[in-house]
Amino acid sequence: MLDGFVPWPVEFASRYRSLGYWRGETLDAALRRYGSAFGDSAAVVDSDRSWTYSELDAEVDHYAAGLHALGIRPRDRVVVQLPNRGEFIAVMYALLRVGAIPVFALPAHRAAEITHFVDSTDAVAYVTADVIDGFDHRELARAVRGQTGNLRHVIIFGDAAEFIPLDSLRQQPIEHPTADPSDVAILLLSGGTTGLPKFVARTHDDWAYSGRAVAAACSYDATTRHMVCLPLGHNWTLTHGLLATFDVGGTLILAESPDPGITFDLIERHRVTDTGLVPGVALVWVELAPGGSADLSSLRRVVIGGSKLPLELARRVEPALGCQLHQAFGMAEGLCGFQDSDEDLETRLHAQGRPVSPDDELLIVDHYGNPVPAGEIGELLTRGPYTVRGYFRGGVHNRTSFTDNGFYRTGDLVRLLPNGQVVFEGRVKDQINRGGEKIAAEEVENHLLAHPAVRDAALIGVPDEILGERSCAVLVPHGAAPEQPEIARFLTERGIAAYKIPDLIRIADTLPRTAIGKVDKKKLRQEEVTR
């Protein structure tokens, strides 16, 4: 077992195996099985080429041989920061085939984060591209190599300059030892919005199960053509996209950007049936699709998650895109939930889904850790067959983020509906304490988004000497920006309490977002404090 990994207790692991959740198959062995079972079916399509399942499996063998020749060995950690291209998938599975552990970075990460990833995981190699979104990652690699003594290799997809070209790793296949399916397969980044990310160690057994469970929850089959347009290095895109699609022999379409100028063409050209979006991207799609010429009729569903979808935007999705809206929730630490096609429209508009495993355990608790009455709001705690028991080398974070009996404290405020659907109501720390009155930011944001002149909105708390905090609404307007009296009148007419009406209004062209697409409220607060 990898040092620094927190395993499931023996009795839980035994139960998950006996129930068939954990099958004792490594992820690269599963790819080998797909290559045999699905053969000539298209596995991956990107902007340059496509791979059948058998071609992808063969490509992985070539890259794995090259990684082995470099000295990459079982349990070595390798930071992977690649765009949404087929090479991302080939490198990921090649590392798994040699027994190494990918550490997934996102394209937006820069020297501070990548150096942290390398140092904190003792990574021996870094795989990235020459240029991503106009940024030269070779300069980034030089900066990281100058700040850490761990890196032995820098591998570049594209023009490698002085580094190792990724293409040079394609060598004659060799045999590799089989990894332990219960050992760590990958390291994901936690989705927290403050500080440097923590590392989530997922095993072959648990991560493979999450992909199968998502495929079943979403009713995927061989006709599924899933387009990933958000960064592939995130857990949601890897499970809802890659793992779930591969499990049924579907086709994964890779878009390097969620820009409708790229994605709408891909949907039409490849007859995409499914995709996943965050609310900010969904807003752009909803605004541009009705006036566009692209044929989006192949879409069966669009799944929206990452942060809660405002109700006013949710109501616009199906008329604009001509397919079903499904909401979802999930986290790198494990637990995820989806909606199915049989849910009525109101449920799909208001709720965020059901957990995908019958053995996902949920507790909804108050500030003191006591269960709240049915239907009331509390913090979501969870454990289950694909939710980790601690962060990799987590230290103090493991004592604060996990209970003594193994439940993960998600930090999400939720309520549970009688039908098992989870409704997200905000974050434990995404609350404004205005003179003792608690304001749930997402509630007010949803009201703000109903204003016809408001395109996007975020509510933050700013320091106040008398009240402790005042509320500040940062608005992205449609055309002329509404002023505070107009917003106050509008919100009053919508019937919300006076203390929830924002004390301050700020206007912005866009809202800053984290690497995984969530509104960066920490940055907004810092900007407001320094005004």
Protein backbone atom coordinates (compact mmCIF):
# COMPACT_ATOMS: atom_id res chain seq x y z
CA MET A 1 0.00 0.00 0.00
CA LEU A 2 1.31 3.46 -0.93
CA ASP A 3 2.68 5.32 2.09
CA GLY A 4 0.41 8.24 2.98
CA PHE A 5 -2.77 6.54 1.73
CA VAL A 6 -5.65 6.01 4.18
CA PRO A 7 -7.29 2.64 3.38
CA TRP A 8 -10.85 1.56 4.03
CA PRO A 9 -11.26 -0.56 7.20
CA VAL A 10 -11.06 -4.29 6.47
CA GLU A 11 -14.73 -4.94 7.23
CA PHE A 12 -15.85 -2.25 4.76
CA ALA A 13 -13.42 -3.36 2.06
CA SER A 14 -14.58 -6.98 2.41
CA ARG A 15 -18.23 -5.93 2.11
CA TYR A 16 -17.60 -3.79 -0.99
CA ARG A 17 -15.84 -6.74 -2.64
CA SER A 18 -18.56 -9.22 -1.70
CA LEU A 19 -21.22 -6.91 -3.16
CA GLY A 20 -19.31 -6.73 -6.43
CA TYR A 21 -18.47 -3.03 -6.25
CA TRP A 22 -14.75 -3.75 -6.17
CA ARG A 23 -13.86 -6.30 -8.84
CA GLY A 24 -10.12 -6.67 -8.35
CA GLU A 25 -9.35 -5.30 -11.83
CA THR A 26 -6.84 -2.54 -12.50
CA LEU A 27 -7.86 0.34 -14.74
CA ASP A 28 -5.31 -0.54 -17.40
CA ALA A 29 -6.54 -4.15 -17.37
CA ALA A 30 -10.04 -2.80 -17.95
CA LEU A 31 -8.75 -0.88 -20.99
CA ARG A 32 -7.21 -4.10 -22.28
CA ARG A 33 -10.61 -5.74 -21.88
CA TYR A 34 -12.31 -2.88 -23.73
CA GLY A 35 -9.81 -3.26 -26.57
CA SER A 36 -10.84 -6.87 -26.92
CA ALA A 37 -14.58 -6.39 -26.38
CA PHE A 38 -15.16 -3.20 -28.38
CA GLY A 39 -12.29 -3.56 -30.86
CA ASP A 40 -12.98 -1.41 -33.91
CA SER A 41 -15.53 0.85 -32.22
CA ALA A 42 -14.42 4.47 -31.88
CA ALA A 43 -13.12 5.13 -28.37
CA VAL A 44 -11.73 8.68 -28.58
CA VAL A 45 -12.10 11.51 -31.09
CA ASP A 46 -10.19 14.77 -30.73
CA SER A 47 -9.45 17.74 -32.98
CA ASP A 48 -6.79 15.84 -34.96
CA ARG A 49 -7.67 12.18 -35.07
CA SER A 50 -9.61 9.26 -33.61
CA TRP A 51 -8.67 5.99 -31.95
CA THR A 52 -10.62 2.76 -31.86
CA TYR A 53 -10.51 0.84 -28.60
CA SER A 54 -7.93 -1.57 -29.98
CA GLU A 55 -5.83 1.30 -31.37
CA LEU A 56 -5.93 3.14 -28.05
CA ASP A 57 -4.84 0.02 -26.16
CA ALA A 58 -1.93 -0.45 -28.58
CA GLU A 59 -0.96 3.23 -28.26
CA VAL A 60 -0.88 2.85 -24.47
CA ASP A 61 1.49 -0.12 -24.83
CA HIS A 62 3.92 2.01 -26.88
CA TYR A 63 3.90 4.92 -24.42
CA ALA A 64 4.23 2.59 -21.44
CA ALA A 65 7.38 1.08 -22.93
CA GLY A 66 8.89 4.56 -23.33
CA LEU A 67 8.00 5.53 -19.77
CA HIS A 68 9.64 2.36 -18.51
CA ALA A 69 12.77 3.13 -20.57
CA LEU A 70 12.96 6.52 -18.81
CA GLY A 71 13.00 4.73 -15.46
CA ILE A 72 9.39 5.36 -14.43
CA ARG A 73 8.52 2.57 -12.02
CA PRO A 74 5.54 1.35 -9.95
CA ARG A 75 4.23 3.95 -7.46
CA ASP A 76 6.29 6.77 -8.97
CA ARG A 77 4.19 9.92 -9.09
CA VAL A 78 3.96 11.88 -12.36
CA VAL A 79 2.23 15.26 -12.71
CA VAL A 80 0.07 15.33 -15.86
CA GLN A 81 -1.05 18.70 -17.23
CA LEU A 82 -2.37 18.22 -20.76
CA PRO A 83 -5.20 19.69 -22.82
CA ASN A 84 -8.25 17.71 -23.89
CA ARG A 85 -6.49 15.58 -26.49
CA GLY A 86 -6.22 11.85 -27.05
CA GLU A 87 -2.65 11.99 -25.76
CA PHE A 88 -4.00 12.83 -22.30
CA ILE A 89 -5.82 9.50 -22.21
CA ALA A 90 -2.93 7.54 -23.71
CA VAL A 91 -0.49 8.99 -21.14
CA MET A 92 -2.87 8.36 -18.25
CA TYR A 93 -3.34 4.69 -19.12
CA ALA A 94 0.35 4.26 -19.97
CA LEU A 95 1.30 5.46 -16.49
CA LEU A 96 -1.24 3.07 -14.99
CA ARG A 97 0.16 0.25 -17.14
CA VAL A 98 3.68 0.71 -15.73
CA GLY A 99 2.20 1.02 -12.23
CA ALA A 100 2.97 4.73 -11.85
CA ILE A 101 0.47 7.20 -10.35
CA PRO A 102 -0.77 10.19 -12.38
CA VAL A 103 -1.23 13.44 -10.44
CA PHE A 104 -3.76 15.42 -12.47
CA ALA A 105 -3.23 19.16 -12.83
CA LEU A 106 -5.54 21.51 -14.70
CA PRO A 107 -4.43 23.68 -17.63
CA ALA A 108 -4.93 26.88 -15.61
CA HIS A 109 -2.43 25.87 -12.91
CA ARG A 110 0.83 27.78 -12.86
CA ALA A 111 4.24 27.53 -11.18
CA ALA A 112 3.07 27.85 -7.56
CA GLU A 113 0.56 25.03 -7.94
CA ILE A 114 2.70 22.73 -10.10
CA THR A 115 5.67 23.13 -7.76
CA HIS A 116 3.38 22.30 -4.84
CA PHE A 117 2.13 19.20 -6.66
CA VAL A 118 5.66 18.02 -7.42
CA ASP A 119 7.04 18.67 -3.94
CA SER A 120 4.03 17.34 -2.02
CA THR A 121 3.82 14.08 -3.96
CA ASP A 122 7.56 13.58 -4.64
CA ALA A 123 6.76 13.48 -8.35
CA VAL A 124 9.64 12.30 -10.54
CA ALA A 125 8.24 13.56 -13.87
CA TYR A 126 6.03 16.26 -15.32
CA VAL A 127 4.07 15.81 -18.56
CA THR A 128 2.63 18.90 -20.23
CA ALA A 129 2.16 20.51 -23.64
CA ASP A 130 4.21 23.17 -25.38
CA VAL A 131 1.42 25.77 -25.41
CA ILE A 132 -2.05 25.58 -23.86
CA ASP A 133 -4.52 28.43 -24.36
CA GLY A 134 -1.72 30.71 -25.53
CA PHE A 135 0.46 30.08 -22.47
CA ASP A 136 3.91 28.54 -22.94
CA HIS A 137 4.12 25.61 -20.55
CA ARG A 138 7.77 25.07 -21.37
CA GLU A 139 8.50 28.30 -19.50
CA LEU A 140 6.38 26.94 -16.68
CA ALA A 141 8.39 23.70 -16.71
CA ARG A 142 11.63 25.68 -16.49
CA ALA A 143 10.33 27.62 -13.51
CA VAL A 144 9.14 24.47 -11.73
CA ARG A 145 12.38 22.62 -12.39
CA GLY A 146 14.29 25.55 -10.90
CA GLN A 147 12.21 25.44 -7.70
CA THR A 148 12.17 21.72 -6.95
CA GLY A 149 14.79 19.03 -6.76
CA ASN A 150 12.44 16.11 -7.31
CA LEU A 151 11.89 16.20 -11.06
CA ARG A 152 13.98 13.85 -13.15
CA HIS A 153 12.04 14.27 -16.40
CA VAL A 154 9.95 16.89 -18.19
CA ILE A 155 7.97 15.46 -21.11
CA ILE A 156 6.37 17.79 -23.64
CA PHE A 157 3.52 17.15 -26.06
CA GLY A 158 4.37 19.25 -29.13
CA ASP A 159 7.56 21.28 -29.61
CA ALA A 160 9.65 20.02 -26.69
CA ALA A 161 12.56 22.51 -26.92
CA GLU A 162 15.22 21.12 -24.56
CA PHE A 163 12.78 18.67 -22.92
CA ILE A 164 11.73 15.12 -23.82
CA PRO A 165 9.27 14.95 -26.75
CA LEU A 166 6.21 12.89 -25.89
CA ASP A 167 6.35 11.22 -29.31
CA SER A 168 9.82 9.85 -28.49
CA LEU A 169 8.25 7.62 -25.85
CA ARG A 170 6.47 5.49 -28.45
CA GLN A 171 8.60 2.36 -28.26
CA GLN A 172 8.26 -1.37 -28.79
CA PRO A 173 5.82 -2.79 -26.18
CA ILE A 174 7.10 -4.81 -23.24
CA GLU A 175 5.48 -6.72 -20.39
CA HIS A 176 4.77 -4.91 -17.11
CA PRO A 177 4.00 -6.28 -13.64
CA THR A 178 0.35 -6.11 -12.59
CA ALA A 179 -0.52 -3.53 -9.95
CA ASP A 180 -2.61 -4.31 -6.87
CA PRO A 181 -6.20 -3.18 -7.64
CA SER A 182 -6.62 -2.08 -4.02
CA ASP A 183 -3.60 0.23 -4.22
CA VAL A 184 -3.62 3.87 -5.28
CA ALA A 185 -4.19 4.42 -9.01
CA ILE A 186 -4.38 8.21 -9.29
CA LEU A 187 -4.10 11.40 -7.27
CA LEU A 188 -6.86 13.94 -7.87
CA LEU A 189 -6.95 17.50 -6.57
CA SER A 190 -9.51 18.47 -3.98
CA GLY A 191 -12.06 21.01 -5.18
CA GLY A 192 -11.60 23.51 -2.35
CA THR A 193 -11.56 27.19 -3.27
CA THR A 194 -9.05 28.34 -0.66
CA GLY A 195 -5.36 27.53 -0.32
CA LEU A 196 -3.41 25.02 -2.36
CA PRO A 197 -5.30 21.82 -3.23
CA LYS A 198 -5.09 18.65 -1.16
CA PHE A 199 -4.59 15.28 -2.83
CA VAL A 200 -7.29 12.65 -3.13
CA ALA A 201 -5.89 9.15 -3.55
CA ARG A 202 -8.25 6.93 -5.52
CA THR A 203 -7.65 3.20 -5.93
CA HIS A 204 -8.22 1.11 -9.05
CA ASP A 205 -11.11 -0.64 -7.31
CA ASP A 206 -12.99 2.37 -6.05
CA TRP A 207 -12.45 4.70 -9.01
CA ALA A 208 -13.41 2.03 -11.57
CA TYR A 209 -16.58 1.36 -9.59
CA SER A 210 -17.52 5.04 -9.61
CA GLY A 211 -17.30 5.03 -13.42
CA ARG A 212 -19.52 1.95 -13.73
CA ALA A 213 -22.03 3.40 -11.25
CA VAL A 214 -22.21 6.68 -13.16
CA ALA A 215 -22.72 4.84 -16.46
CA ALA A 216 -25.64 2.94 -14.92
CA ALA A 217 -27.12 6.08 -13.33
CA CYS A 218 -26.97 7.94 -16.65
CA SER A 219 -28.26 4.97 -18.72
CA TYR A 220 -25.20 4.97 -20.96
CA ASP A 221 -24.87 2.36 -23.69
CA ALA A 222 -22.84 1.75 -26.85
CA THR A 223 -24.69 4.56 -28.65
CA THR A 224 -23.45 7.14 -26.13
CA ARG A 225 -21.27 9.83 -27.68
CA HIS A 226 -20.10 11.93 -24.77
CA MET A 227 -18.34 15.24 -25.38
CA VAL A 228 -15.92 16.48 -22.71
CA CYS A 229 -15.43 20.23 -23.07
CA LEU A 230 -14.37 21.04 -19.48
CA PRO A 231 -10.79 20.20 -18.40
CA LEU A 232 -10.29 16.44 -18.55
CA GLY A 233 -8.10 16.39 -15.42
CA HIS A 234 -11.08 16.96 -13.14
CA ASN A 235 -12.81 14.03 -11.44
CA TRP A 236 -16.22 14.85 -12.95
CA THR A 237 -15.00 14.79 -16.54
CA LEU A 238 -12.92 11.68 -15.93
CA THR A 239 -15.76 9.67 -14.37
CA HIS A 240 -18.91 11.07 -16.03
CA GLY A 241 -17.01 11.34 -19.31
CA LEU A 242 -14.13 8.93 -19.74
CA LEU A 243 -14.74 6.02 -17.32
CA ALA A 244 -18.51 5.84 -17.78
CA THR A 245 -18.32 6.08 -21.58
CA PHE A 246 -15.57 3.47 -21.89
CA ASP A 247 -17.43 1.08 -19.59
CA VAL A 248 -20.23 0.69 -22.16
CA GLY A 249 -18.17 0.95 -25.35
CA GLY A 250 -19.35 4.46 -26.23
CA THR A 251 -17.33 7.21 -27.90
CA LEU A 252 -15.58 10.07 -26.11
CA ILE A 253 -15.41 13.35 -28.04
CA LEU A 254 -12.76 15.78 -26.75
CA ALA A 255 -13.21 19.54 -27.13
CA GLU A 256 -10.32 21.74 -26.06
CA SER A 257 -12.71 24.52 -25.02
CA PRO A 258 -16.39 24.84 -24.04
CA ASP A 259 -16.67 27.78 -26.45
CA PRO A 260 -19.85 27.29 -28.54
CA GLY A 261 -17.82 28.20 -31.61
CA ILE A 262 -15.98 24.91 -31.08
CA THR A 263 -18.46 22.70 -29.25
CA PHE A 264 -21.57 23.33 -31.34
CA ASP A 265 -19.70 22.24 -34.46
CA LEU A 266 -18.48 19.08 -32.70
CA ILE A 267 -22.01 18.25 -31.54
CA GLU A 268 -23.31 18.50 -35.09
CA ARG A 269 -20.37 16.75 -36.75
CA HIS A 270 -20.06 13.82 -34.30
CA ARG A 271 -23.72 13.56 -33.26
CA VAL A 272 -22.91 14.07 -29.60
CA THR A 273 -25.57 12.66 -27.26
CA ASP A 274 -24.29 13.74 -23.83
CA THR A 275 -22.09 16.37 -22.26
CA GLY A 276 -21.38 18.05 -18.92
CA LEU A 277 -21.29 21.78 -18.21
CA VAL A 278 -20.86 24.17 -15.29
CA PRO A 279 -23.47 26.93 -14.86
CA GLY A 280 -21.26 29.68 -16.31
CA VAL A 281 -20.77 27.74 -19.54
CA ALA A 282 -24.42 26.72 -19.62
CA LEU A 283 -25.39 30.40 -19.53
CA VAL A 284 -23.34 31.11 -22.67
CA TRP A 285 -24.75 28.06 -24.48
CA VAL A 286 -28.32 28.98 -23.59
CA GLU A 287 -27.85 32.52 -24.89
CA LEU A 288 -26.16 31.54 -28.18
CA ALA A 289 -27.88 28.29 -29.21
CA PRO A 290 -31.29 29.68 -30.25
CA GLY A 291 -29.77 32.12 -32.74
CA GLY A 292 -27.14 29.76 -34.11
CA SER A 293 -27.15 27.55 -37.19
CA ALA A 294 -25.63 24.41 -35.64
CA ASP A 295 -27.74 21.25 -35.51
CA LEU A 296 -27.85 20.22 -31.83
CA SER A 297 -30.66 17.70 -32.28
CA SER A 298 -28.47 14.70 -31.41
CA LEU A 299 -28.19 15.88 -27.78
CA ARG A 300 -30.17 13.67 -25.42
CA ARG A 301 -29.12 15.34 -22.18
CA VAL A 302 -26.90 18.06 -20.80
CA VAL A 303 -25.69 17.49 -17.25
CA ILE A 304 -24.90 20.61 -15.25
CA GLY A 305 -22.92 20.52 -12.02
CA GLY A 306 -19.80 21.90 -10.36
CA SER A 307 -21.85 24.47 -8.47
CA LYS A 308 -25.58 24.83 -7.98
CA LEU A 309 -27.50 25.76 -11.10
CA PRO A 310 -29.63 28.87 -10.50
CA LEU A 311 -33.31 28.11 -10.99
CA GLU A 312 -33.84 30.97 -13.42
CA LEU A 313 -31.08 29.61 -15.67
CA ALA A 314 -32.26 26.00 -15.22
CA ARG A 315 -35.66 26.89 -16.69
CA ARG A 316 -34.01 28.17 -19.88
CA VAL A 317 -31.85 25.10 -20.64
CA GLU A 318 -34.33 22.70 -22.24
CA PRO A 319 -36.10 25.27 -24.47
CA ALA A 320 -32.75 26.66 -25.66
CA LEU A 321 -30.84 23.40 -26.23
CA GLY A 322 -33.70 21.06 -27.13
CA CYS A 323 -32.63 18.25 -24.80
CA GLN A 324 -33.17 17.14 -21.24
CA LEU A 325 -31.52 19.03 -18.40
CA HIS A 326 -30.03 16.81 -15.73
CA GLN A 327 -28.37 18.24 -12.66
CA ALA A 328 -25.53 16.48 -10.84
CA PHE A 329 -23.23 16.78 -7.87
CA GLY A 330 -19.88 15.30 -7.03
CA MET A 331 -16.47 15.75 -5.52
CA ALA A 332 -12.97 14.43 -6.05
CA GLU A 333 -13.24 12.80 -2.62
CA GLY A 334 -15.85 10.45 -4.07
CA LEU A 335 -19.58 10.90 -3.61
CA CYS A 336 -21.50 11.83 -6.75
CA GLY A 337 -25.13 11.95 -7.72
CA PHE A 338 -27.08 12.20 -10.96
CA GLN A 339 -30.66 12.43 -12.17
CA ASP A 340 -32.26 9.96 -14.55
CA SER A 341 -34.50 10.51 -17.54
CA ASP A 342 -37.65 9.48 -15.66
CA GLU A 343 -37.50 12.39 -13.22
CA ASP A 344 -40.24 14.98 -13.70
CA LEU A 345 -39.21 18.43 -14.89
CA GLU A 346 -39.70 20.18 -11.55
CA THR A 347 -37.41 17.68 -9.82
CA ARG A 348 -34.77 18.15 -12.49
CA LEU A 349 -35.04 21.92 -12.13
CA HIS A 350 -34.87 22.08 -8.34
CA ALA A 351 -32.80 19.10 -7.15
CA GLN A 352 -29.28 17.90 -7.90
CA GLY A 353 -29.66 14.12 -8.08
CA ARG A 354 -29.41 10.89 -6.11
CA PRO A 355 -26.17 9.16 -5.06
CA VAL A 356 -25.12 6.59 -7.66
CA SER A 357 -24.41 3.72 -5.25
CA PRO A 358 -26.88 1.95 -2.97
CA ASP A 359 -24.10 1.88 -0.37
CA ASP A 360 -23.49 5.64 -0.36
CA GLU A 361 -24.23 6.63 3.22
CA LEU A 362 -25.46 10.19 3.85
CA LEU A 363 -25.77 12.06 7.13
CA ILE A 364 -27.26 15.57 7.31
CA VAL A 365 -26.09 17.22 10.52
CA ASP A 366 -26.22 20.56 12.33
CA HIS A 367 -23.30 22.67 13.56
CA TYR A 368 -22.79 20.29 16.49
CA GLY A 369 -22.82 17.11 14.41
CA ASN A 370 -26.36 16.08 15.38
CA PRO A 371 -28.75 14.77 12.69
CA VAL A 372 -31.27 17.40 11.57
CA PRO A 373 -35.00 16.62 11.20
CA ALA A 374 -36.06 15.17 7.84
CA GLY A 375 -36.14 17.77 5.10
CA GLU A 376 -34.20 20.42 7.01
CA ILE A 377 -30.90 21.93 5.93
CA GLY A 378 -27.64 20.68 7.39
CA GLU A 379 -24.09 19.79 6.45
CA LEU A 380 -23.68 16.71 4.26
CA LEU A 381 -21.44 13.94 5.62
CA THR A 382 -20.83 10.81 3.56
CA ARG A 383 -18.95 7.54 3.31
CA GLY A 384 -19.17 4.69 0.83
CA PRO A 385 -17.41 2.36 -1.61
CA TYR A 386 -15.80 5.16 -3.64
CA THR A 387 -15.47 7.96 -1.05
CA VAL A 388 -11.99 8.18 0.43
CA ARG A 389 -11.24 7.85 4.15
CA GLY A 390 -8.57 10.54 4.22
CA TYR A 391 -6.41 12.75 2.03
CA PHE A 392 -3.05 11.53 0.75
CA ARG A 393 -0.52 12.69 3.35
CA GLY A 394 -3.41 14.68 4.76
CA GLY A 395 -2.10 15.33 8.26
CA VAL A 396 -4.28 17.81 10.13
CA HIS A 397 -6.74 18.00 7.23
CA ASN A 398 -7.71 14.40 7.88
CA ARG A 399 -8.58 15.20 11.48
CA THR A 400 -10.81 18.11 10.48
CA SER A 401 -12.32 16.76 7.25
CA PHE A 402 -13.19 13.21 8.37
CA THR A 403 -15.06 11.92 11.40
CA ASP A 404 -13.70 9.20 13.66
CA ASN A 405 -16.04 6.67 12.03
CA GLY A 406 -14.97 7.52 8.48
CA PHE A 407 -17.53 10.04 7.25
CA TYR A 408 -16.22 12.81 5.00
CA ARG A 409 -17.36 16.30 5.97
CA THR A 410 -18.22 17.76 2.59
CA GLY A 411 -18.82 21.34 3.76
CA ASP A 412 -22.00 21.40 1.63
CA LEU A 413 -25.31 22.55 3.07
CA VAL A 414 -28.08 20.30 1.74
CA ARG A 415 -31.55 19.02 2.40
CA LEU A 416 -32.78 15.56 1.50
CA LEU A 417 -36.12 15.16 -0.29
CA PRO A 418 -38.43 12.20 0.49
CA ASN A 419 -37.65 10.73 -2.97
CA GLY A 420 -33.92 10.56 -2.15
CA GLN A 421 -32.94 13.59 -4.22
CA VAL A 422 -30.36 15.91 -2.70
CA VAL A 423 -30.91 19.67 -2.87
CA PHE A 424 -27.82 21.81 -2.36
CA GLU A 425 -28.41 25.01 -0.43
CA GLY A 426 -24.89 26.45 -0.24
CA ARG A 427 -21.66 25.94 1.61
CA VAL A 428 -21.06 25.88 5.34
CA LYS A 429 -18.62 28.76 4.87
CA ASP A 430 -20.62 30.46 2.08
CA GLN A 431 -22.78 32.27 4.58
CA ILE A 432 -22.84 35.93 5.51
CA ASN A 433 -23.35 36.78 9.18
CA ARG A 434 -24.90 40.25 9.06
CA GLY A 435 -25.31 41.39 12.63
CA GLY A 436 -26.35 37.92 13.72
CA GLU A 437 -28.67 37.32 10.77
CA LYS A 438 -27.42 34.51 8.56
CA ILE A 439 -27.69 35.00 4.79
CA ALA A 440 -27.30 32.02 2.46
CA ALA A 441 -25.47 33.47 -0.53
CA GLU A 442 -26.97 31.13 -3.12
CA GLU A 443 -30.53 32.02 -2.15
CA VAL A 444 -29.96 35.73 -2.80
CA GLU A 445 -27.92 35.00 -5.95
CA ASN A 446 -30.83 33.08 -7.42
CA HIS A 447 -33.15 36.05 -6.84
CA LEU A 448 -30.62 38.42 -8.37
CA LEU A 449 -30.36 36.26 -11.49
CA ALA A 450 -34.10 36.61 -12.02
CA HIS A 451 -33.63 40.34 -12.69
CA PRO A 452 -33.77 40.95 -16.45
CA ALA A 453 -30.70 43.22 -16.36
CA VAL A 454 -28.51 40.69 -14.46
CA ARG A 455 -26.51 38.16 -16.45
CA ASP A 456 -24.46 36.68 -13.60
CA ALA A 457 -24.19 37.36 -9.87
CA ALA A 458 -22.21 36.51 -6.75
CA LEU A 459 -22.95 37.53 -3.16
CA ILE A 460 -20.03 37.94 -0.77
CA GLY A 461 -19.53 39.15 2.78
CA VAL A 462 -17.26 42.12 3.43
CA PRO A 463 -16.02 43.32 6.84
CA ASP A 464 -18.11 45.88 8.73
CA GLU A 465 -17.20 47.44 12.07
CA ILE A 466 -20.80 47.46 13.34
CA LEU A 467 -22.47 44.46 11.75
CA GLY A 468 -19.43 42.21 11.51
CA GLU A 469 -20.20 41.66 7.83
CA ARG A 470 -22.15 43.46 5.15
CA SER A 471 -23.38 41.79 1.99
CA CYS A 472 -22.02 42.84 -1.38
CA ALA A 473 -23.52 41.72 -4.70
CA VAL A 474 -21.12 41.59 -7.64
CA LEU A 475 -23.21 41.75 -10.79
CA VAL A 476 -22.45 41.10 -14.45
CA PRO A 477 -25.18 43.06 -16.26
CA HIS A 478 -27.07 42.73 -19.51
CA GLY A 479 -26.54 46.18 -21.00
CA ALA A 480 -27.15 49.03 -18.56
CA ALA A 481 -26.20 48.09 -15.01
CA PRO A 482 -28.95 48.24 -12.37
CA GLU A 483 -28.26 50.44 -9.36
CA GLN A 484 -28.75 49.55 -5.70
CA PRO A 485 -32.22 51.14 -5.29
CA GLU A 486 -33.53 49.20 -8.30
CA ILE A 487 -32.08 45.93 -6.97
CA ALA A 488 -33.55 46.62 -3.52
CA ARG A 489 -37.00 47.30 -5.01
CA PHE A 490 -36.84 44.18 -7.18
CA LEU A 491 -35.78 41.90 -4.33
CA THR A 492 -38.41 43.40 -2.01
CA GLU A 493 -41.08 42.65 -4.61
CA ARG A 494 -39.85 39.06 -4.72
CA GLY A 495 -40.62 38.80 -1.03
CA ILE A 496 -37.24 38.20 0.55
CA ALA A 497 -36.36 39.52 4.00
CA ALA A 498 -34.95 43.04 4.13
CA TYR A 499 -31.73 41.90 5.77
CA LYS A 500 -30.97 39.76 2.71
CA ILE A 501 -30.99 42.72 0.33
CA PRO A 502 -27.36 43.49 -0.60
CA ASP A 503 -25.85 46.46 1.20
CA LEU A 504 -23.47 47.10 -1.69
CA ILE A 505 -23.64 46.62 -5.44
CA ARG A 506 -20.51 46.23 -7.57
CA ILE A 507 -20.51 45.89 -11.35
CA ALA A 508 -18.06 43.61 -13.18
CA ASP A 509 -17.52 42.49 -16.76
CA THR A 510 -17.09 38.87 -15.62
CA LEU A 511 -16.86 36.89 -12.39
CA PRO A 512 -13.46 35.36 -11.63
CA ARG A 513 -13.49 31.58 -11.49
CA THR A 514 -11.32 28.86 -10.01
CA ALA A 515 -9.57 26.25 -12.16
CA ILE A 516 -12.65 23.99 -11.98
CA GLY A 517 -15.14 26.66 -12.96
CA LYS A 518 -16.52 27.80 -9.59
CA VAL A 519 -16.89 31.49 -8.80
CA ASP A 520 -13.73 32.59 -6.95
CA LYS A 521 -15.33 34.36 -4.00
CA LYS A 522 -12.04 34.60 -2.17
CA LYS A 523 -10.72 36.82 -4.96
CA LEU A 524 -13.91 38.88 -5.01
CA ARG A 525 -13.63 39.49 -1.25
CA GLN A 526 -9.98 40.48 -1.56
CA GLU A 527 -10.82 42.93 -4.35
CA GLU A 528 -13.63 44.47 -2.32
CA VAL A 529 -11.54 44.81 0.86
CA THR A 530 -8.76 46.59 -1.03
CA ARG A 531 -11.08 49.05 -2.84
